[in-house]
Amino acid sequence: MDAIDGGERDEDWDQDLADDLIGSSLLVGLTYVDSGGAVLGRRQVFGIVETVDVQTGIVIRTDDEDSPFAVAPLLDAIEVGEPGLYQLADQDRVVENPDFTALFTVTQPLRN
């Protein structure tokens, strides 16, 4: 798995939160947009957090993928999950009471 280019270590890095995430369930919502902000697609990922590292990101083990899924180590995007049922939009799966949730917008780079 490649490292995520996060630049210098974030001065606001919350190691306590990073440690709390490990072993917890995480529901991630990803919105993909082009360089102008138009929505290209959406994806939801749910699983158990395996590792959290400022260099490699937040690594999630899902039930439906062979390899782990990684997102950027942006801990500010993480919130405590609200109790309830979450219907995954792109699957027939329902997630109940995730420990944490996160929303990310992924912007496609401008191509010359």
C-alpha atoms as a PDB file:
ATOM      1  CA  MET A   1       0.000   0.000   0.000  1.00  0.00           C
ATOM      2  CA  ASP A   2       1.380   3.386  -0.988  1.00  0.00           C
ATOM      3  CA  ALA A   3       1.822   6.195   1.483  1.00  0.00           C
ATOM      4  CA  ILE A   4      -0.535   9.134   1.207  1.00  0.00           C
ATOM      5  CA  ASP A   5       1.243  12.413   0.601  1.00  0.00           C
ATOM      6  CA  GLY A   6       0.157  14.379   3.624  1.00  0.00           C
ATOM      7  CA  GLY A   7       3.125  16.750   3.633  1.00  0.00           C
ATOM      8  CA  GLU A   8       4.528  17.747   6.982  1.00  0.00           C
ATOM      9  CA  ARG A   9       3.063  16.312  10.157  1.00  0.00           C
ATOM     10  CA  ASP A  10      -0.127  18.165  11.041  1.00  0.00           C
ATOM     11  CA  GLU A  11       0.415  20.241  14.172  1.00  0.00           C
ATOM     12  CA  ASP A  12      -3.213  19.505  15.083  1.00  0.00           C
ATOM     13  CA  TRP A  13      -2.690  15.731  14.853  1.00  0.00           C
ATOM     14  CA  ASP A  14      -4.733  14.121  17.627  1.00  0.00           C
ATOM     15  CA  GLN A  15      -2.912  10.940  18.600  1.00  0.00           C
ATOM     16  CA  ASP A  16      -5.588  10.066  21.175  1.00  0.00           C
ATOM     17  CA  LEU A  17      -8.283  10.099  18.471  1.00  0.00           C
ATOM     18  CA  ALA A  18      -6.014   8.155  16.118  1.00  0.00           C
ATOM     19  CA  ASP A  19      -5.566   5.506  18.812  1.00  0.00           C
ATOM     20  CA  ASP A  20      -9.327   5.421  19.554  1.00  0.00           C
ATOM     21  CA  LEU A  21     -10.129   4.778  15.890  1.00  0.00           C
ATOM     22  CA  ILE A  22      -8.105   1.552  15.754  1.00  0.00           C
ATOM     23  CA  GLY A  23     -10.473  -1.401  16.055  1.00  0.00           C
ATOM     24  CA  SER A  24     -13.544   0.829  15.688  1.00  0.00           C
ATOM     25  CA  SER A  25     -16.120   0.726  12.907  1.00  0.00           C
ATOM     26  CA  LEU A  26     -15.930   3.617  10.448  1.00  0.00           C
ATOM     27  CA  LEU A  27     -18.414   4.641   7.768  1.00  0.00           C
ATOM     28  CA  VAL A  28     -16.786   6.845   5.130  1.00  0.00           C
ATOM     29  CA  GLY A  29     -18.672   8.851   2.513  1.00  0.00           C
ATOM     30  CA  LEU A  30     -16.642   9.902  -0.520  1.00  0.00           C
ATOM     31  CA  THR A  31     -17.806  12.427  -3.103  1.00  0.00           C
ATOM     32  CA  TYR A  32     -15.700  12.634  -6.264  1.00  0.00           C
ATOM     33  CA  VAL A  33     -15.736  15.983  -8.096  1.00  0.00           C
ATOM     34  CA  ASP A  34     -13.944  17.354 -11.138  1.00  0.00           C
ATOM     35  CA  SER A  35     -11.656  20.385 -10.952  1.00  0.00           C
ATOM     36  CA  GLY A  36     -14.686  22.659 -11.468  1.00  0.00           C
ATOM     37  CA  GLY A  37     -16.647  21.110  -8.593  1.00  0.00           C
ATOM     38  CA  ALA A  38     -19.124  19.032 -10.637  1.00  0.00           C
ATOM     39  CA  VAL A  39     -19.991  15.741  -8.957  1.00  0.00           C
ATOM     40  CA  LEU A  40     -18.544  12.728 -10.780  1.00  0.00           C
ATOM     41  CA  GLY A  41     -19.719  10.062  -8.354  1.00  0.00           C
ATOM     42  CA  ARG A  42     -20.148   8.938  -4.791  1.00  0.00           C
ATOM     43  CA  ARG A  43     -18.973   5.959  -2.799  1.00  0.00           C
ATOM     44  CA  GLN A  44     -19.431   4.671   0.729  1.00  0.00           C
ATOM     45  CA  VAL A  45     -16.980   2.430   2.525  1.00  0.00           C
ATOM     46  CA  PHE A  46     -17.604   0.675   5.824  1.00  0.00           C
ATOM     47  CA  GLY A  47     -15.266  -1.445   7.888  1.00  0.00           C
ATOM     48  CA  ILE A  48     -12.997  -1.745  10.879  1.00  0.00           C
ATOM     49  CA  VAL A  49     -10.053   0.629  11.211  1.00  0.00           C
ATOM     50  CA  GLU A  50      -6.797  -1.326  11.168  1.00  0.00           C
ATOM     51  CA  THR A  51      -4.264   1.489  11.402  1.00  0.00           C
ATOM     52  CA  VAL A  52      -4.134   5.263  11.603  1.00  0.00           C
ATOM     53  CA  ASP A  53      -0.909   6.966  10.655  1.00  0.00           C
ATOM     54  CA  VAL A  54      -0.043  10.502   9.599  1.00  0.00           C
ATOM     55  CA  GLN A  55       1.901   9.117   6.596  1.00  0.00           C
ATOM     56  CA  THR A  56      -0.155   6.118   5.407  1.00  0.00           C
ATOM     57  CA  GLY A  57      -3.597   7.422   6.335  1.00  0.00           C
ATOM     58  CA  ILE A  58      -6.598   5.688   7.855  1.00  0.00           C
ATOM     59  CA  VAL A  59      -6.642   2.048   6.754  1.00  0.00           C
ATOM     60  CA  ILE A  60      -9.986   0.250   6.843  1.00  0.00           C
ATOM     61  CA  ARG A  61     -10.600  -3.503   6.471  1.00  0.00           C
ATOM     62  CA  THR A  62     -13.905  -4.021   4.675  1.00  0.00           C
ATOM     63  CA  ASP A  63     -15.921  -7.209   4.261  1.00  0.00           C
ATOM     64  CA  ASP A  64     -16.330  -6.774   0.513  1.00  0.00           C
ATOM     65  CA  GLU A  65     -12.800  -5.964  -0.667  1.00  0.00           C
ATOM     66  CA  ASP A  66      -9.714  -8.168  -0.765  1.00  0.00           C
ATOM     67  CA  SER A  67      -7.305  -5.410   0.182  1.00  0.00           C
ATOM     68  CA  PRO A  68      -7.678  -2.690   2.804  1.00  0.00           C
ATOM     69  CA  PHE A  69      -9.062   0.712   1.826  1.00  0.00           C
ATOM     70  CA  ALA A  70      -7.114   3.840   2.807  1.00  0.00           C
ATOM     71  CA  VAL A  71      -8.224   7.443   3.128  1.00  0.00           C
ATOM     72  CA  ALA A  72      -6.207  10.548   3.932  1.00  0.00           C
ATOM     73  CA  PRO A  73      -5.255  11.024   7.594  1.00  0.00           C
ATOM     74  CA  LEU A  74      -7.589  13.988   8.059  1.00  0.00           C
ATOM     75  CA  LEU A  75      -8.798  13.445  11.601  1.00  0.00           C
ATOM     76  CA  ASP A  76     -10.846  16.664  11.496  1.00  0.00           C
ATOM     77  CA  ALA A  77     -13.232  14.823   9.137  1.00  0.00           C
ATOM     78  CA  ILE A  78     -13.957  12.121  11.748  1.00  0.00           C
ATOM     79  CA  GLU A  79     -17.064  12.402  13.901  1.00  0.00           C
ATOM     80  CA  VAL A  80     -18.606  10.103  16.471  1.00  0.00           C
ATOM     81  CA  GLY A  81     -21.302   8.088  14.716  1.00  0.00           C
ATOM     82  CA  GLU A  82     -24.915   8.870  15.452  1.00  0.00           C
ATOM     83  CA  PRO A  83     -26.918   5.795  16.511  1.00  0.00           C
ATOM     84  CA  GLY A  84     -29.138   4.433  13.788  1.00  0.00           C
ATOM     85  CA  LEU A  85     -29.310   2.504  10.550  1.00  0.00           C
ATOM     86  CA  TYR A  86     -27.311   3.725   7.544  1.00  0.00           C
ATOM     87  CA  GLN A  87     -28.318   2.407   4.111  1.00  0.00           C
ATOM     88  CA  LEU A  88     -25.262   2.224   1.866  1.00  0.00           C
ATOM     89  CA  ALA A  89     -26.318   3.922  -1.357  1.00  0.00           C
ATOM     90  CA  ASP A  90     -24.320   1.734  -3.727  1.00  0.00           C
ATOM     91  CA  GLN A  91     -25.116  -1.567  -1.990  1.00  0.00           C
ATOM     92  CA  ASP A  92     -28.044  -3.409  -0.445  1.00  0.00           C
ATOM     93  CA  ARG A  93     -26.200  -3.306   2.844  1.00  0.00           C
ATOM     94  CA  VAL A  94     -27.355  -1.548   6.004  1.00  0.00           C
ATOM     95  CA  VAL A  95     -24.853  -0.457   8.649  1.00  0.00           C
ATOM     96  CA  GLU A  96     -26.036  -0.187  12.226  1.00  0.00           C
ATOM     97  CA  ASN A  97     -24.552   2.215  14.768  1.00  0.00           C
ATOM     98  CA  PRO A  98     -21.071   2.871  13.338  1.00  0.00           C
ATOM     99  CA  ASP A  99     -18.589   4.026  15.955  1.00  0.00           C
ATOM    100  CA  PHE A 100     -17.368   6.869  13.715  1.00  0.00           C
ATOM    101  CA  THR A 101     -18.287   8.524  10.418  1.00  0.00           C
ATOM    102  CA  ALA A 102     -16.325  10.673   7.966  1.00  0.00           C
ATOM    103  CA  LEU A 103     -17.101  12.650   4.837  1.00  0.00           C
ATOM    104  CA  PHE A 104     -14.456  13.395   2.202  1.00  0.00           C
ATOM    105  CA  THR A 105     -14.563  15.275  -1.079  1.00  0.00           C
ATOM    106  CA  VAL A 106     -11.973  14.052  -3.574  1.00  0.00           C
ATOM    107  CA  THR A 107     -11.167  16.572  -6.291  1.00  0.00           C
ATOM    108  CA  GLN A 108      -9.894  15.360  -9.654  1.00  0.00           C
ATOM    109  CA  PRO A 109      -6.675  17.161 -10.578  1.00  0.00           C
ATOM    110  CA  LEU A 110      -6.801  19.722 -13.372  1.00  0.00           C
ATOM    111  CA  ARG A 111      -5.366  18.172 -16.528  1.00  0.00           C
ATOM    112  CA  ASN A 112      -3.447  20.374 -18.977  1.00  0.00           C
END
